[in-house]
PDB file of N, CA and C in Angstrom:
ATOM      1  N   UNK A   1     205.566 127.709-141.153  1.00  0.00           N
ATOM      2  CA  UNK A   1     206.851 127.049-141.201  1.00  0.00           C
ATOM      3  C   UNK A   1     207.663 127.434-139.974  1.00  0.00           C
ATOM      4  N   UNK A   2     208.118 126.459-139.251  1.00  0.00           N
ATOM      5  CA  UNK A   2     208.892 126.692-138.039  1.00  0.00           C
ATOM      6  C   UNK A   2     210.329 127.056-138.410  1.00  0.00           C
ATOM      7  N   UNK A   3     210.809 128.126-137.814  1.00  0.00           N
ATOM      8  CA  UNK A   3     212.164 128.592-138.104  1.00  0.00           C
ATOM      9  C   UNK A   3     213.169 127.776-137.295  1.00  0.00           C
ATOM     10  N   UNK A   4     214.098 127.119-137.991  1.00  0.00           N
ATOM     11  CA  UNK A   4     215.131 126.329-137.341  1.00  0.00           C
ATOM     12  C   UNK A   4     216.351 127.213-137.114  1.00  0.00           C
ATOM     13  N   UNK A   5     216.640 127.524-135.865  1.00  0.00           N
ATOM     14  CA  UNK A   5     217.751 128.411-135.544  1.00  0.00           C
ATOM     15  C   UNK A   5     218.959 127.665-135.008  1.00  0.00           C
ATOM     16  N   UNK A   6     218.966 126.339-135.102  1.00  0.00           N
ATOM     17  CA  UNK A   6     220.067 125.588-134.521  1.00  0.00           C
ATOM     18  C   UNK A   6     221.414 125.969-135.123  1.00  0.00           C
ATOM     19  N   UNK A   7     221.459 126.273-136.419  1.00  0.00           N
ATOM     20  CA  UNK A   7     222.728 126.664-137.037  1.00  0.00           C
ATOM     21  C   UNK A   7     223.242 127.970-136.450  1.00  0.00           C
ATOM     22  N   UNK A   8     222.349 128.845-136.005  1.00  0.00           N
ATOM     23  CA  UNK A   8     222.735 130.137-135.433  1.00  0.00           C
ATOM     24  C   UNK A   8     223.455 129.970-134.095  1.00  0.00           C
ATOM     25  N   UNK A   9     223.200 128.873-133.424  1.00  0.00           N
ATOM     26  CA  UNK A   9     223.760 128.655-132.090  1.00  0.00           C
ATOM     27  C   UNK A   9     225.034 127.811-132.090  1.00  0.00           C
ATOM     28  N   UNK A  10     225.360 127.193-133.211  1.00  0.00           N
ATOM     29  CA  UNK A  10     226.551 126.339-133.260  1.00  0.00           C
ATOM     30  C   UNK A  10     227.802 127.203-133.202  1.00  0.00           C
ATOM     31  N   UNK A  11     228.655 126.902-132.263  1.00  0.00           N
ATOM     32  CA  UNK A  11     229.872 127.674-132.049  1.00  0.00           C
ATOM     33  C   UNK A  11     231.005 127.043-132.851  1.00  0.00           C
ATOM     34  N   UNK A  12     231.179 127.559-134.064  1.00  0.00           N
ATOM     35  CA  UNK A  12     232.140 126.967-134.987  1.00  0.00           C
ATOM     36  C   UNK A  12     233.147 127.963-135.558  1.00  0.00           C
ATOM     37  N   UNK A  13     232.916 129.246-135.373  1.00  0.00           N
ATOM     38  CA  UNK A  13     233.788 130.253-135.984  1.00  0.00           C
ATOM     39  C   UNK A  13     234.925 130.660-135.055  1.00  0.00           C
ATOM     40  N   UNK A  14     236.076 130.889-135.649  1.00  0.00           N
ATOM     41  CA  UNK A  14     237.265 131.286-134.893  1.00  0.00           C
ATOM     42  C   UNK A  14     237.273 132.797-134.654  1.00  0.00           C
ATOM     43  N   UNK A  15     238.164 133.229-133.790  1.00  0.00           N
ATOM     44  CA  UNK A  15     238.330 134.649-133.503  1.00  0.00           C
ATOM     45  C   UNK A  15     238.647 135.425-134.782  1.00  0.00           C
ATOM     46  N   UNK A  16     239.504 134.871-135.620  1.00  0.00           N
ATOM     47  CA  UNK A  16     239.887 135.552-136.869  1.00  0.00           C
ATOM     48  C   UNK A  16     238.658 135.814-137.729  1.00  0.00           C
ATOM     49  N   UNK A  17     237.808 134.834-137.870  1.00  0.00           N
ATOM     50  CA  UNK A  17     236.589 134.989-138.657  1.00  0.00           C
ATOM     51  C   UNK A  17     235.691 136.054-138.045  1.00  0.00           C
ATOM     52  N   UNK A  18     235.558 136.031-136.733  1.00  0.00           N
ATOM     53  CA  UNK A  18     234.696 136.991-136.043  1.00  0.00           C
ATOM     54  C   UNK A  18     235.225 138.414-136.204  1.00  0.00           C
ATOM     55  N   UNK A  19     236.533 138.600-136.081  1.00  0.00           N
ATOM     56  CA  UNK A  19     237.088 139.951-136.258  1.00  0.00           C
ATOM     57  C   UNK A  19     236.853 140.444-137.682  1.00  0.00           C
ATOM     58  N   UNK A  20     236.970 139.548-138.658  1.00  0.00           N
ATOM     59  CA  UNK A  20     236.728 139.939-140.042  1.00  0.00           C
ATOM     60  C   UNK A  20     235.265 140.294-140.281  1.00  0.00           C
ATOM     61  N   UNK A  21     234.360 139.543-139.671  1.00  0.00           N
ATOM     62  CA  UNK A  21     232.930 139.771-139.887  1.00  0.00           C
ATOM     63  C   UNK A  21     232.411 140.991-139.146  1.00  0.00           C
ATOM     64  N   UNK A  22     232.973 141.278-137.969  1.00  0.00           N
ATOM     65  CA  UNK A  22     232.442 142.364-137.140  1.00  0.00           C
ATOM     66  C   UNK A  22     233.216 143.669-137.265  1.00  0.00           C
ATOM     67  N   UNK A  23     234.487 143.585-137.653  1.00  0.00           N
ATOM     68  CA  UNK A  23     235.322 144.777-137.666  1.00  0.00           C
ATOM     69  C   UNK A  23     235.888 145.114-136.299  1.00  0.00           C
ATOM     70  N   UNK A  24     235.586 144.281-135.302  1.00  0.00           N
ATOM     71  CA  UNK A  24     236.115 144.482-133.956  1.00  0.00           C
ATOM     72  C   UNK A  24     237.503 143.865-133.857  1.00  0.00           C
ATOM     73  N   UNK A  25     238.297 144.376-132.937  1.00  0.00           N
ATOM     74  CA  UNK A  25     239.619 143.800-132.726  1.00  0.00           C
ATOM     75  C   UNK A  25     239.522 142.619-131.765  1.00  0.00           C
ATOM     76  N   UNK A  26     240.550 141.776-131.782  1.00  0.00           N
ATOM     77  CA  UNK A  26     240.596 140.667-130.819  1.00  0.00           C
ATOM     78  C   UNK A  26     240.553 141.210-129.399  1.00  0.00           C
ATOM     79  N   UNK A  27     241.244 142.302-129.174  1.00  0.00           N
ATOM     80  CA  UNK A  27     241.279 142.906-127.842  1.00  0.00           C
ATOM     81  C   UNK A  27     239.873 143.309-127.376  1.00  0.00           C
ATOM     82  N   UNK A  28     239.094 143.932-128.286  1.00  0.00           N
ATOM     83  CA  UNK A  28     237.731 144.324-127.931  1.00  0.00           C
ATOM     84  C   UNK A  28     236.883 143.104-127.584  1.00  0.00           C
ATOM     85  N   UNK A  29     236.981 142.073-128.388  1.00  0.00           N
ATOM     86  CA  UNK A  29     236.174 140.876-128.172  1.00  0.00           C
ATOM     87  C   UNK A  29     236.566 140.199-126.859  1.00  0.00           C
ATOM     88  N   UNK A  30     237.855 140.117-126.588  1.00  0.00           N
ATOM     89  CA  UNK A  30     238.315 139.529-125.324  1.00  0.00           C
ATOM     90  C   UNK A  30     237.866 140.360-124.128  1.00  0.00           C
ATOM     91  N   UNK A  31     237.832 141.669-124.299  1.00  0.00           N
ATOM     92  CA  UNK A  31     237.344 142.548-123.232  1.00  0.00           C
ATOM     93  C   UNK A  31     235.878 142.254-122.932  1.00  0.00           C
ATOM     94  N   UNK A  32     235.068 142.119-123.975  1.00  0.00           N
ATOM     95  CA  UNK A  32     233.650 141.801-123.771  1.00  0.00           C
ATOM     96  C   UNK A  32     233.489 140.452-123.080  1.00  0.00           C
ATOM     97  N   UNK A  33     234.364 139.522-123.400  1.00  0.00           N
ATOM     98  CA  UNK A  33     234.337 138.223-122.720  1.00  0.00           C
ATOM     99  C   UNK A  33     234.712 138.392-121.245  1.00  0.00           C
ATOM    100  N   UNK A  34     235.747 139.169-120.964  1.00  0.00           N
ATOM    101  CA  UNK A  34     236.177 139.396-119.578  1.00  0.00           C
ATOM    102  C   UNK A  34     235.106 140.114-118.763  1.00  0.00           C
ATOM    103  N   UNK A  35     234.286 140.908-119.437  1.00  0.00           N
ATOM    104  CA  UNK A  35     233.202 141.630-118.773  1.00  0.00           C
ATOM    105  C   UNK A  35     231.921 140.792-118.660  1.00  0.00           C
ATOM    106  N   UNK A  36     232.023 139.520-119.046  1.00  0.00           N
ATOM    107  CA  UNK A  36     230.877 138.592-119.006  1.00  0.00           C
ATOM    108  C   UNK A  36     229.699 139.087-119.835  1.00  0.00           C
ATOM    109  N   UNK A  37     230.026 139.607-121.012  1.00  0.00           N
ATOM    110  CA  UNK A  37     228.992 140.045-121.943  1.00  0.00           C
ATOM    111  C   UNK A  37     228.809 139.009-123.045  1.00  0.00           C
ATOM    112  N   UNK A  38     229.882 138.371-123.451  1.00  0.00           N
ATOM    113  CA  UNK A  38     229.857 137.366-124.509  1.00  0.00           C
ATOM    114  C   UNK A  38     230.512 136.095-123.973  1.00  0.00           C
ATOM    115  N   UNK A  39     230.031 134.940-124.418  1.00  0.00           N
ATOM    116  CA  UNK A  39     230.511 133.674-123.870  1.00  0.00           C
ATOM    117  C   UNK A  39     230.865 132.683-124.980  1.00  0.00           C
ATOM    118  N   UNK A  40     232.083 132.803-125.519  1.00  0.00           N
ATOM    119  CA  UNK A  40     232.473 131.836-126.550  1.00  0.00           C
ATOM    120  C   UNK A  40     232.707 130.463-125.938  1.00  0.00           C
ATOM    121  N   UNK A  41     232.551 129.454-126.780  1.00  0.00           N
ATOM    122  CA  UNK A  41     232.907 128.093-126.352  1.00  0.00           C
ATOM    123  C   UNK A  41     234.409 127.931-126.552  1.00  0.00           C
ATOM    124  N   UNK A  42     234.964 126.876-125.975  1.00  0.00           N
ATOM    125  CA  UNK A  42     236.384 126.560-126.178  1.00  0.00           C
ATOM    126  C   UNK A  42     236.480 125.123-126.656  1.00  0.00           C
ATOM    127  N   UNK A  43     237.346 124.880-127.628  1.00  0.00           N
ATOM    128  CA  UNK A  43     237.561 123.505-128.060  1.00  0.00           C
ATOM    129  C   UNK A  43     238.652 122.878-127.194  1.00  0.00           C
ATOM    130  N   UNK A  44     239.065 121.677-127.538  1.00  0.00           N
ATOM    131  CA  UNK A  44     240.032 120.955-126.696  1.00  0.00           C
ATOM    132  C   UNK A  44     241.382 121.659-126.588  1.00  0.00           C
ATOM    133  N   UNK A  45     241.731 122.470-127.574  1.00  0.00           N
ATOM    134  CA  UNK A  45     242.993 123.219-127.496  1.00  0.00           C
ATOM    135  C   UNK A  45     242.770 124.642-126.967  1.00  0.00           C
ATOM    136  N   UNK A  46     241.579 124.874-126.387  1.00  0.00           N
ATOM    137  CA  UNK A  46     241.194 126.135-125.750  1.00  0.00           C
ATOM    138  C   UNK A  46     241.025 127.306-126.725  1.00  0.00           C
ATOM    139  N   UNK A  47     240.868 127.003-128.006  1.00  0.00           N
ATOM    140  CA  UNK A  47     240.601 128.033-128.996  1.00  0.00           C
ATOM    141  C   UNK A  47     239.151 128.473-128.860  1.00  0.00           C
ATOM    142  N   UNK A  48     238.925 129.777-128.860  1.00  0.00           N
ATOM    143  CA  UNK A  48     237.561 130.296-128.768  1.00  0.00           C
ATOM    144  C   UNK A  48     236.789 129.964-130.039  1.00  0.00           C
ATOM    145  N   UNK A  49     235.495 129.655-129.851  1.00  0.00           N
ATOM    146  CA  UNK A  49     234.594 129.380-130.968  1.00  0.00           C
ATOM    147  C   UNK A  49     233.318 130.190-130.769  1.00  0.00           C
ATOM    148  N   UNK A  50     232.861 130.802-131.851  1.00  0.00           N
ATOM    149  CA  UNK A  50     231.701 131.686-131.801  1.00  0.00           C
ATOM    150  C   UNK A  50     230.617 131.214-132.756  1.00  0.00           C
ATOM    151  N   UNK A  51     229.389 131.628-132.464  1.00  0.00           N
ATOM    152  CA  UNK A  51     228.241 131.301-133.309  1.00  0.00           C
ATOM    153  C   UNK A  51     227.767 132.556-134.047  1.00  0.00           C
ATOM    154  N   UNK A  52     226.840 132.368-134.981  1.00  0.00           N
ATOM    155  CA  UNK A  52     226.232 133.517-135.647  1.00  0.00           C
ATOM    156  C   UNK A  52     225.510 134.403-134.626  1.00  0.00           C
ATOM    157  N   UNK A  53     224.893 133.794-133.638  1.00  0.00           N
ATOM    158  CA  UNK A  53     224.229 134.575-132.588  1.00  0.00           C
ATOM    159  C   UNK A  53     225.234 135.429-131.829  1.00  0.00           C
ATOM    160  N   UNK A  54     226.416 134.872-131.565  1.00  0.00           N
ATOM    161  CA  UNK A  54     227.468 135.639-130.891  1.00  0.00           C
ATOM    162  C   UNK A  54     227.873 136.846-131.730  1.00  0.00           C
ATOM    163  N   UNK A  55     227.990 136.648-133.033  1.00  0.00           N
ATOM    164  CA  UNK A  55     228.375 137.747-133.921  1.00  0.00           C
ATOM    165  C   UNK A  55     227.319 138.845-133.903  1.00  0.00           C
ATOM    166  N   UNK A  56     226.052 138.461-133.962  1.00  0.00           N
ATOM    167  CA  UNK A  56     224.976 139.448-133.890  1.00  0.00           C
ATOM    168  C   UNK A  56     225.028 140.211-132.567  1.00  0.00           C
ATOM    169  N   UNK A  57     225.278 139.483-131.494  1.00  0.00           N
ATOM    170  CA  UNK A  57     225.366 140.112-130.183  1.00  0.00           C
ATOM    171  C   UNK A  57     226.553 141.076-130.120  1.00  0.00           C
ATOM    172  N   UNK A  58     227.684 140.674-130.670  1.00  0.00           N
ATOM    173  CA  UNK A  58     228.864 141.539-130.698  1.00  0.00           C
ATOM    174  C   UNK A  58     228.593 142.816-131.487  1.00  0.00           C
ATOM    175  N   UNK A  59     227.883 142.707-132.584  1.00  0.00           N
ATOM    176  CA  UNK A  59     227.544 143.892-133.386  1.00  0.00           C
ATOM    177  C   UNK A  59     226.639 144.832-132.593  1.00  0.00           C
ATOM    178  N   UNK A  60     225.670 144.270-131.877  1.00  0.00           N
ATOM    179  CA  UNK A  60     224.788 145.085-131.029  1.00  0.00           C
ATOM    180  C   UNK A  60     225.583 145.766-129.919  1.00  0.00           C
ATOM    181  N   UNK A  61     226.495 145.023-129.312  1.00  0.00           N
ATOM    182  CA  UNK A  61     227.329 145.561-128.239  1.00  0.00           C
ATOM    183  C   UNK A  61     228.168 146.722-128.763  1.00  0.00           C
ATOM    184  N   UNK A  62     228.814 146.529-129.904  1.00  0.00           N
ATOM    185  CA  UNK A  62     229.663 147.574-130.482  1.00  0.00           C
ATOM    186  C   UNK A  62     228.859 148.837-130.775  1.00  0.00           C
ATOM    187  N   UNK A  63     227.649 148.656-131.277  1.00  0.00           N
ATOM    188  CA  UNK A  63     226.782 149.800-131.570  1.00  0.00           C
ATOM    189  C   UNK A  63     226.422 150.553-130.292  1.00  0.00           C
ATOM    190  N   UNK A  64     226.095 149.815-129.248  1.00  0.00           N
ATOM    191  CA  UNK A  64     225.749 150.450-127.973  1.00  0.00           C
ATOM    192  C   UNK A  64     226.949 151.178-127.373  1.00  0.00           C
ATOM    193  N   UNK A  65     228.129 150.585-127.477  1.00  0.00           N
ATOM    194  CA  UNK A  65     229.343 151.228-126.966  1.00  0.00           C
ATOM    195  C   UNK A  65     229.567 152.556-127.701  1.00  0.00           C
ATOM    196  N   UNK A  66     229.383 152.553-129.020  1.00  0.00           N
ATOM    197  CA  UNK A  66     229.530 153.777-129.811  1.00  0.00           C
ATOM    198  C   UNK A  66     228.540 154.847-129.367  1.00  0.00           C
ATOM    199  N   UNK A  67     227.358 154.411-128.917  1.00  0.00           N
ATOM    200  CA  UNK A  67     226.329 155.346-128.461  1.00  0.00           C
ATOM    201  C   UNK A  67     226.593 155.840-127.039  1.00  0.00           C
ATOM    202  N   UNK A  68     227.615 155.267-126.386  1.00  0.00           N
ATOM    203  CA  UNK A  68     227.972 155.722-125.049  1.00  0.00           C
ATOM    204  C   UNK A  68     227.403 154.890-123.912  1.00  0.00           C
ATOM    205  N   UNK A  69     226.801 153.768-124.225  1.00  0.00           N
ATOM    206  CA  UNK A  69     226.261 152.889-123.189  1.00  0.00           C
ATOM    207  C   UNK A  69     227.424 152.181-122.490  1.00  0.00           C
ATOM    208  N   UNK A  70     227.382 152.120-121.178  1.00  0.00           N
ATOM    209  CA  UNK A  70     228.439 151.479-120.395  1.00  0.00           C
ATOM    210  C   UNK A  70     228.351 149.959-120.499  1.00  0.00           C
ATOM    211  N   UNK A  71     229.499 149.289-120.409  1.00  0.00           N
ATOM    212  CA  UNK A  71     229.503 147.824-120.491  1.00  0.00           C
ATOM    213  C   UNK A  71     228.673 147.219-119.368  1.00  0.00           C
ATOM    214  N   UNK A  72     228.677 147.832-118.208  1.00  0.00           N
ATOM    215  CA  UNK A  72     227.871 147.340-117.090  1.00  0.00           C
ATOM    216  C   UNK A  72     226.391 147.335-117.461  1.00  0.00           C
ATOM    217  N   UNK A  73     225.938 148.404-118.106  1.00  0.00           N
ATOM    218  CA  UNK A  73     224.539 148.501-118.513  1.00  0.00           C
ATOM    219  C   UNK A  73     224.204 147.471-119.596  1.00  0.00           C
ATOM    220  N   UNK A  74     225.136 147.260-120.505  1.00  0.00           N
ATOM    221  CA  UNK A  74     224.932 146.259-121.561  1.00  0.00           C
ATOM    222  C   UNK A  74     224.820 144.876-120.941  1.00  0.00           C
ATOM    223  N   UNK A  75     225.711 144.562-119.991  1.00  0.00           N
ATOM    224  CA  UNK A  75     225.690 143.253-119.333  1.00  0.00           C
ATOM    225  C   UNK A  75     224.371 143.048-118.593  1.00  0.00           C
ATOM    226  N   UNK A  76     223.919 144.060-117.869  1.00  0.00           N
ATOM    227  CA  UNK A  76     222.654 143.948-117.131  1.00  0.00           C
ATOM    228  C   UNK A  76     221.486 143.707-118.089  1.00  0.00           C
ATOM    229  N   UNK A  77     221.470 144.432-119.203  1.00  0.00           N
ATOM    230  CA  UNK A  77     220.407 144.278-120.189  1.00  0.00           C
ATOM    231  C   UNK A  77     220.428 142.875-120.796  1.00  0.00           C
ATOM    232  N   UNK A  78     221.625 142.405-121.164  1.00  0.00           N
ATOM    233  CA  UNK A  78     221.742 141.060-121.747  1.00  0.00           C
ATOM    234  C   UNK A  78     221.371 139.977-120.738  1.00  0.00           C
ATOM    235  N   UNK A  79     221.748 140.166-119.473  1.00  0.00           N
ATOM    236  CA  UNK A  79     221.371 139.197-118.428  1.00  0.00           C
ATOM    237  C   UNK A  79     219.856 139.078-118.324  1.00  0.00           C
ATOM    238  N   UNK A  80     219.158 140.212-118.366  1.00  0.00           N
ATOM    239  CA  UNK A  80     217.690 140.197-118.306  1.00  0.00           C
ATOM    240  C   UNK A  80     217.113 139.454-119.505  1.00  0.00           C
ATOM    241  N   UNK A  81     217.632 139.741-120.706  1.00  0.00           N
ATOM    242  CA  UNK A  81     217.141 139.075-121.918  1.00  0.00           C
ATOM    243  C   UNK A  81     217.385 137.576-121.855  1.00  0.00           C
ATOM    244  N   UNK A  82     218.566 137.177-121.376  1.00  0.00           N
ATOM    245  CA  UNK A  82     218.897 135.746-121.300  1.00  0.00           C
ATOM    246  C   UNK A  82     217.993 135.033-120.297  1.00  0.00           C
ATOM    247  N   UNK A  83     217.704 135.672-119.179  1.00  0.00           N
ATOM    248  CA  UNK A  83     216.811 135.060-118.185  1.00  0.00           C
ATOM    249  C   UNK A  83     215.413 134.884-118.768  1.00  0.00           C
ATOM    250  N   UNK A  84     214.933 135.889-119.479  1.00  0.00           N
ATOM    251  CA  UNK A  84     213.617 135.813-120.101  1.00  0.00           C
ATOM    252  C   UNK A  84     213.586 134.699-121.142  1.00  0.00           C
ATOM    253  N   UNK A  85     214.620 134.615-121.968  1.00  0.00           N
ATOM    254  CA  UNK A  85     214.703 133.577-122.994  1.00  0.00           C
ATOM    255  C   UNK A  85     214.753 132.194-122.367  1.00  0.00           C
ATOM    256  N   UNK A  86     215.523 132.043-121.292  1.00  0.00           N
ATOM    257  CA  UNK A  86     215.616 130.750-120.612  1.00  0.00           C
ATOM    258  C   UNK A  86     214.269 130.345-120.030  1.00  0.00           C
ATOM    259  N   UNK A  87     213.530 131.307-119.479  1.00  0.00           N
ATOM    260  CA  UNK A  87     212.214 130.998-118.924  1.00  0.00           C
ATOM    261  C   UNK A  87     211.262 130.539-120.017  1.00  0.00           C
ATOM    262  N   UNK A  88     211.309 131.197-121.154  1.00  0.00           N
ATOM    263  CA  UNK A  88     210.434 130.832-122.264  1.00  0.00           C
ATOM    264  C   UNK A  88     210.793 129.451-122.812  1.00  0.00           C
ATOM    265  N   UNK A  89     212.097 129.182-122.926  1.00  0.00           N
ATOM    266  CA  UNK A  89     212.550 127.896-123.486  1.00  0.00           C
ATOM    267  C   UNK A  89     212.310 126.716-122.564  1.00  0.00           C
ATOM    268  N   UNK A  90     212.133 126.939-121.271  1.00  0.00           N
ATOM    269  CA  UNK A  90     211.919 125.834-120.337  1.00  0.00           C
ATOM    270  C   UNK A  90     210.446 125.504-120.145  1.00  0.00           C
ATOM    271  N   UNK A  91     209.591 126.257-120.791  1.00  0.00           N
ATOM    272  CA  UNK A  91     208.141 125.981-120.670  1.00  0.00           C
ATOM    273  C   UNK A  91     207.718 124.864-121.562  1.00  0.00           C
TER     274      UNK A  91
END
């Protein structure tokens, strides 16, 4: 059975929902966005929208930060993963 992950990628959740689900503050999430670690979509009124994948990524980021990993290192690691995923998806 092929796993359909399209729902995981739909950016439909608001910042309020994400803060409630992750326990992170709006400030923390905006910081991760400013550091080019997370990339929310914006609707026509410029409200940020997040997906389930974004929430999972935010939880991983928060865990790494607690462990003392620098945001620069997290960004580099995520960039490598995204490049690998893009290469696989374009085949």
